[in-house]
Amino acid sequence: MKKTQKNENILLRNDIDGVATLTLNRPEFNLLSIDLLMALQSQFEHIATDTSVRVVVIASQGKAFCGGHDLQEMRAYPSKKDINNLFTQCSKMMIGITKLPQPVIAKVHGSAAAAGCQLVAQCDLAVASDTAQFGTSGINIGLFCSTPMVAVTRNVSRKHAMELLLTGDLISASDAEKFGLINKVALPDELDQTVDKLATKIANKSPLAVSLGKELFYKQIEKGISEAYQHATDVITCNMMSEDATSGVDAFLSKKPLPQWKGK
């Protein structure tokens, strides 16, 4: 697929106190063009080795969080090879979220549909405005949301997932929280504050413990219980031998303030 005209501002980055905010900037629906997918992937690759970043927030400009793939772009390059390349790039970007050592929080202020819902589901955590809506709406235009399904079914129950996938209906933020798709619902004027509070809380934890824990979480969840416990035992043993853990335990036992985390 040929890339669309390059726009350096389709993805914005702002770092404050260890929190890197990536803002989708293709108002009004922030559609996931091939350029935007590649821009996100590029940022993830840079952030993965940036020890100053403790937490990543994915936000967006405009009235929607993300309306999914750019259908006009897809129809402009309709060959099987082009379409496969697009979905392959999207899957690579989504997996990049899971592979990041830093936790990723989706900050959702508007609708998140199809691949936009996938993006929310793929993030480690998600906070939404009470006006936000979520859905896998591809079925409404004859396209089953196969790739969004991968992320959605790893967050919500089978019955709820099938309802979303087969009806294409949008659900409220309240229902998304009940389904397990998001963590918290906030009033629109409290969304920034709610996300900042969550991001800051995580950013203040040991970065080593957080990164080890995130990696273990996704690896063990796909394993059988015996293999999962064995892997978790190996990880927690290494974690316990780290400087962060030994100094943290010593501070707790002696009732002293927690140390500054060394990340090792």
Protein backbone atom coordinates (compact mmCIF):
# COMPACT_ATOMS: atom_id res chain seq x y z
CA MET A 1 0.00 0.00 0.00
CA LYS A 2 1.28 3.44 -0.89
CA LYS A 3 1.50 5.74 2.07
CA THR A 4 -0.82 8.70 2.26
CA GLN A 5 0.62 12.19 2.13
CA LYS A 6 2.92 12.52 5.12
CA ASN A 7 1.64 14.66 7.95
CA GLU A 8 4.16 15.11 10.73
CA ASN A 9 1.39 16.21 13.09
CA ILE A 10 -0.85 13.13 12.88
CA LEU A 11 0.66 11.91 16.16
CA LEU A 12 1.74 14.31 18.90
CA ARG A 13 3.95 13.47 21.88
CA ASN A 14 4.23 15.30 25.17
CA ASP A 15 6.32 14.09 28.13
CA ILE A 16 5.70 15.30 31.68
CA ASP A 17 7.10 13.74 34.87
CA GLY A 18 7.73 10.32 33.37
CA VAL A 19 4.40 10.13 31.51
CA ALA A 20 4.55 10.18 27.69
CA THR A 21 1.24 11.16 26.12
CA LEU A 22 0.73 10.17 22.49
CA THR A 23 -2.18 12.07 20.96
CA LEU A 24 -3.89 10.89 17.78
CA ASN A 25 -4.32 14.01 15.69
CA ARG A 26 -6.47 13.19 12.67
CA PRO A 27 -9.65 14.99 13.68
CA GLU A 28 -12.43 14.41 13.60
CA PHE A 29 -12.40 10.62 13.82
CA ASN A 30 -8.65 9.87 14.21
CA LEU A 31 -8.81 7.08 11.65
CA LEU A 32 -5.92 4.62 11.68
CA SER A 33 -4.26 5.32 8.36
CA ILE A 34 -1.09 3.43 7.45
CA ASP A 35 0.90 6.55 8.33
CA LEU A 36 -0.67 6.82 11.77
CA LEU A 37 -0.11 3.12 12.45
CA MET A 38 3.55 3.48 11.52
CA ALA A 39 3.91 6.65 13.59
CA LEU A 40 2.53 4.84 16.64
CA GLN A 41 4.83 1.87 16.07
CA SER A 42 7.83 4.17 15.71
CA GLN A 43 7.02 5.92 18.99
CA PHE A 44 6.63 2.59 20.79
CA GLU A 45 10.04 1.49 19.55
CA HIS A 46 11.64 4.71 20.85
CA ILE A 47 9.77 4.67 24.17
CA ALA A 48 10.70 1.04 24.84
CA THR A 49 14.32 2.08 25.40
CA ASP A 50 13.60 5.45 27.01
CA THR A 51 14.16 4.94 30.73
CA SER A 52 12.76 8.38 31.52
CA VAL A 53 9.28 7.19 30.50
CA ARG A 54 7.39 5.28 33.18
CA VAL A 55 3.87 5.33 31.72
CA VAL A 56 2.37 5.92 28.27
CA VAL A 57 -1.04 7.52 27.70
CA ILE A 58 -2.83 7.28 24.34
CA ALA A 59 -5.23 10.17 23.83
CA SER A 60 -6.78 11.93 20.84
CA GLN A 61 -7.95 15.27 19.47
CA GLY A 62 -11.38 15.86 17.98
CA LYS A 63 -14.81 14.52 18.82
CA ALA A 64 -13.95 10.80 18.56
CA PHE A 65 -11.21 8.79 20.22
CA CYS A 66 -10.74 6.60 17.15
CA GLY A 67 -13.21 5.56 14.50
CA GLY A 68 -11.19 2.58 13.30
CA HIS A 69 -9.41 2.08 10.00
CA ASP A 70 -9.45 4.66 7.22
CA LEU A 71 -11.95 3.06 4.83
CA GLN A 72 -11.27 5.58 2.07
CA GLU A 73 -7.60 4.68 2.14
CA MET A 74 -8.48 0.98 2.07
CA ARG A 75 -10.72 1.40 -0.96
CA ALA A 76 -8.08 3.47 -2.74
CA TYR A 77 -5.66 0.53 -2.53
CA PRO A 78 -7.97 -2.51 -2.67
CA SER A 79 -5.53 -5.26 -3.68
CA LYS A 80 -5.23 -8.26 -1.39
CA LYS A 81 -1.54 -7.48 -0.81
CA ASP A 82 -2.25 -3.87 0.20
CA ILE A 83 -5.08 -4.82 2.54
CA ASN A 84 -3.01 -7.58 4.12
CA ASN A 85 -0.11 -5.16 4.62
CA LEU A 86 -2.43 -2.70 6.36
CA PHE A 87 -3.83 -5.26 8.81
CA THR A 88 -0.35 -6.71 9.37
CA GLN A 89 0.94 -3.24 10.28
CA CYS A 90 -2.02 -2.71 12.60
CA SER A 91 -1.41 -6.03 14.34
CA LYS A 92 2.30 -5.18 14.71
CA MET A 93 1.39 -1.86 16.31
CA MET A 94 -1.12 -3.49 18.67
CA ILE A 95 1.40 -6.14 19.75
CA GLY A 96 3.87 -3.29 20.25
CA ILE A 97 1.64 -2.01 23.07
CA THR A 98 1.87 -5.33 24.86
CA LYS A 99 5.62 -5.57 24.32
CA LEU A 100 6.31 -2.11 25.74
CA PRO A 101 7.90 -2.38 29.20
CA GLN A 102 5.86 0.64 30.31
CA PRO A 103 2.11 0.34 31.04
CA VAL A 104 -0.16 2.00 28.46
CA ILE A 105 -3.37 3.81 29.41
CA ALA A 106 -6.08 4.68 26.88
CA LYS A 107 -7.75 8.03 27.62
CA VAL A 108 -11.06 7.85 25.78
CA HIS A 109 -13.18 10.95 25.44
CA GLY A 110 -15.40 10.00 22.49
CA SER A 111 -16.41 6.98 20.43
CA ALA A 112 -14.02 4.07 19.91
CA ALA A 113 -15.25 1.89 17.07
CA ALA A 114 -13.88 -1.17 15.28
CA ALA A 115 -10.06 -0.87 15.33
CA GLY A 116 -10.54 2.07 17.72
CA CYS A 117 -12.22 -0.30 20.17
CA GLN A 118 -9.37 -2.73 19.50
CA LEU A 119 -6.88 -0.02 20.46
CA VAL A 120 -8.67 0.55 23.78
CA ALA A 121 -8.81 -3.18 24.47
CA GLN A 122 -5.13 -3.62 23.63
CA CYS A 123 -4.00 -0.99 26.10
CA ASP A 124 -3.11 -2.24 29.57
CA LEU A 125 -5.58 0.14 31.22
CA ALA A 126 -8.35 2.41 29.99
CA VAL A 127 -10.23 5.38 31.42
CA ALA A 128 -13.18 6.89 29.59
CA SER A 129 -15.45 9.88 29.75
CA ASP A 130 -19.03 8.95 30.59
CA THR A 131 -19.98 10.21 27.12
CA ALA A 132 -17.69 7.72 25.36
CA GLN A 133 -19.06 4.79 23.36
CA PHE A 134 -17.50 1.53 22.25
CA GLY A 135 -18.25 -1.04 19.59
CA THR A 136 -16.99 -3.41 16.92
CA SER A 137 -19.15 -1.97 14.18
CA GLY A 138 -17.62 -3.58 11.10
CA ILE A 139 -20.45 -6.10 10.87
CA ASN A 140 -22.79 -3.22 9.97
CA ILE A 141 -20.98 -2.78 6.64
CA GLY A 142 -20.43 -6.48 5.95
CA LEU A 143 -17.01 -6.72 7.59
CA PHE A 144 -16.63 -8.89 10.70
CA CYS A 145 -14.16 -7.23 13.09
CA SER A 146 -11.76 -10.16 13.07
CA THR A 147 -8.61 -8.39 14.24
CA PRO A 148 -10.40 -6.20 16.83
CA MET A 149 -11.89 -9.45 18.13
CA VAL A 150 -8.45 -10.66 19.22
CA ALA A 151 -8.05 -7.81 21.70
CA VAL A 152 -11.70 -7.59 22.73
CA THR A 153 -12.02 -11.30 23.57
CA ARG A 154 -8.99 -11.01 25.84
CA ASN A 155 -10.81 -8.38 27.91
CA VAL A 156 -14.51 -9.23 28.07
CA SER A 157 -16.56 -12.40 28.48
CA ARG A 158 -17.44 -14.55 25.48
CA LYS A 159 -21.13 -13.67 25.53
CA HIS A 160 -20.45 -9.92 25.72
CA ALA A 161 -17.80 -10.19 23.01
CA MET A 162 -20.11 -12.05 20.66
CA GLU A 163 -22.87 -9.51 21.24
CA LEU A 164 -20.52 -6.67 20.34
CA LEU A 165 -19.12 -8.47 17.30
CA LEU A 166 -22.43 -9.73 15.89
CA THR A 167 -24.63 -6.68 16.47
CA GLY A 168 -22.18 -3.87 15.79
CA ASP A 169 -23.99 -1.85 18.44
CA LEU A 170 -22.19 0.84 20.40
CA ILE A 171 -22.24 0.45 24.17
CA SER A 172 -21.95 3.15 26.83
CA ALA A 173 -18.88 3.79 28.96
CA SER A 174 -20.84 2.44 31.93
CA ASP A 175 -21.50 -0.85 30.14
CA ALA A 176 -17.89 -0.98 28.90
CA GLU A 177 -16.76 -0.77 32.51
CA LYS A 178 -19.17 -3.54 33.52
CA PHE A 179 -17.97 -5.69 30.61
CA GLY A 180 -14.32 -5.23 31.65
CA LEU A 181 -13.31 -3.29 28.55
CA ILE A 182 -12.27 -0.22 30.56
CA ASN A 183 -11.19 0.41 34.17
CA LYS A 184 -12.85 3.67 35.12
CA VAL A 185 -15.51 6.14 33.96
CA ALA A 186 -15.05 9.84 34.62
CA LEU A 187 -17.08 12.97 34.01
CA PRO A 188 -15.83 14.77 30.89
CA ASP A 189 -14.25 17.63 32.84
CA GLU A 190 -12.57 15.15 35.21
CA LEU A 191 -11.10 12.80 32.58
CA ASP A 192 -7.67 14.45 32.45
CA GLN A 193 -7.39 14.52 36.23
CA THR A 194 -8.47 10.87 36.58
CA VAL A 195 -5.95 9.67 34.00
CA ASP A 196 -3.18 11.84 35.47
CA LYS A 197 -3.83 10.43 38.94
CA LEU A 198 -3.67 6.84 37.68
CA ALA A 199 -0.58 7.46 35.54
CA THR A 200 1.25 9.23 38.38
CA LYS A 201 0.46 6.43 40.82
CA ILE A 202 2.02 3.87 38.47
CA ALA A 203 4.93 6.13 37.52
CA ASN A 204 5.92 6.28 41.18
CA LYS A 205 6.33 2.50 41.43
CA SER A 206 9.59 0.65 40.78
CA PRO A 207 10.04 0.68 36.97
CA LEU A 208 11.79 -2.70 37.16
CA ALA A 209 8.94 -4.31 39.07
CA VAL A 210 6.36 -2.75 36.73
CA SER A 211 8.13 -3.89 33.54
CA LEU A 212 8.78 -7.39 34.90
CA GLY A 213 5.17 -7.63 36.02
CA LYS A 214 3.70 -6.46 32.73
CA GLU A 215 5.80 -8.90 30.71
CA LEU A 216 4.90 -11.76 33.04
CA PHE A 217 1.20 -10.87 32.96
CA TYR A 218 0.90 -11.36 29.21
CA LYS A 219 3.14 -14.42 29.05
CA GLN A 220 1.52 -16.37 31.88
CA ILE A 221 -2.05 -15.69 30.84
CA GLU A 222 -1.58 -17.81 27.70
CA LYS A 223 0.03 -20.73 29.58
CA GLY A 224 -1.37 -23.66 31.56
CA ILE A 225 -1.48 -23.08 35.31
CA SER A 226 1.57 -25.23 36.15
CA GLU A 227 3.72 -23.57 33.51
CA ALA A 228 2.39 -20.15 34.55
CA TYR A 229 3.37 -20.73 38.18
CA GLN A 230 6.83 -21.92 37.17
CA HIS A 231 7.41 -18.86 35.03
CA ALA A 232 6.03 -16.56 37.75
CA THR A 233 8.33 -18.21 40.30
CA ASP A 234 11.37 -17.48 38.12
CA VAL A 235 10.33 -13.86 37.63
CA ILE A 236 9.55 -13.11 41.27
CA THR A 237 12.85 -14.71 42.32
CA CYS A 238 14.77 -12.37 40.00
CA ASN A 239 12.64 -9.45 41.16
CA MET A 240 13.33 -10.24 44.83
CA MET A 241 17.08 -10.21 44.15
CA SER A 242 16.93 -6.73 42.58
CA GLU A 243 18.15 -3.59 44.31
CA ASP A 244 14.69 -2.02 44.15
CA ALA A 245 13.06 -4.95 45.95
CA THR A 246 15.73 -5.43 48.63
CA SER A 247 15.83 -1.73 49.48
CA GLY A 248 12.03 -1.51 49.40
CA VAL A 249 11.60 -4.49 51.71
CA ASP A 250 14.23 -3.15 54.10
CA ALA A 251 12.51 0.24 54.21
CA PHE A 252 9.14 -1.41 54.89
CA LEU A 253 10.53 -3.59 57.69
CA SER A 254 12.30 -0.67 59.35
CA LYS A 255 9.29 1.62 58.86
CA LYS A 256 11.37 4.10 56.84
CA PRO A 257 10.28 6.04 53.73
CA LEU A 258 10.52 4.08 50.50
CA PRO A 259 13.77 4.64 48.61
CA GLN A 260 14.20 6.23 45.23
CA TRP A 261 13.84 3.42 42.73
CA LYS A 262 17.01 2.46 40.88
CA GLY A 263 15.33 0.30 38.27
CA LYS A 264 17.72 -2.59 38.87
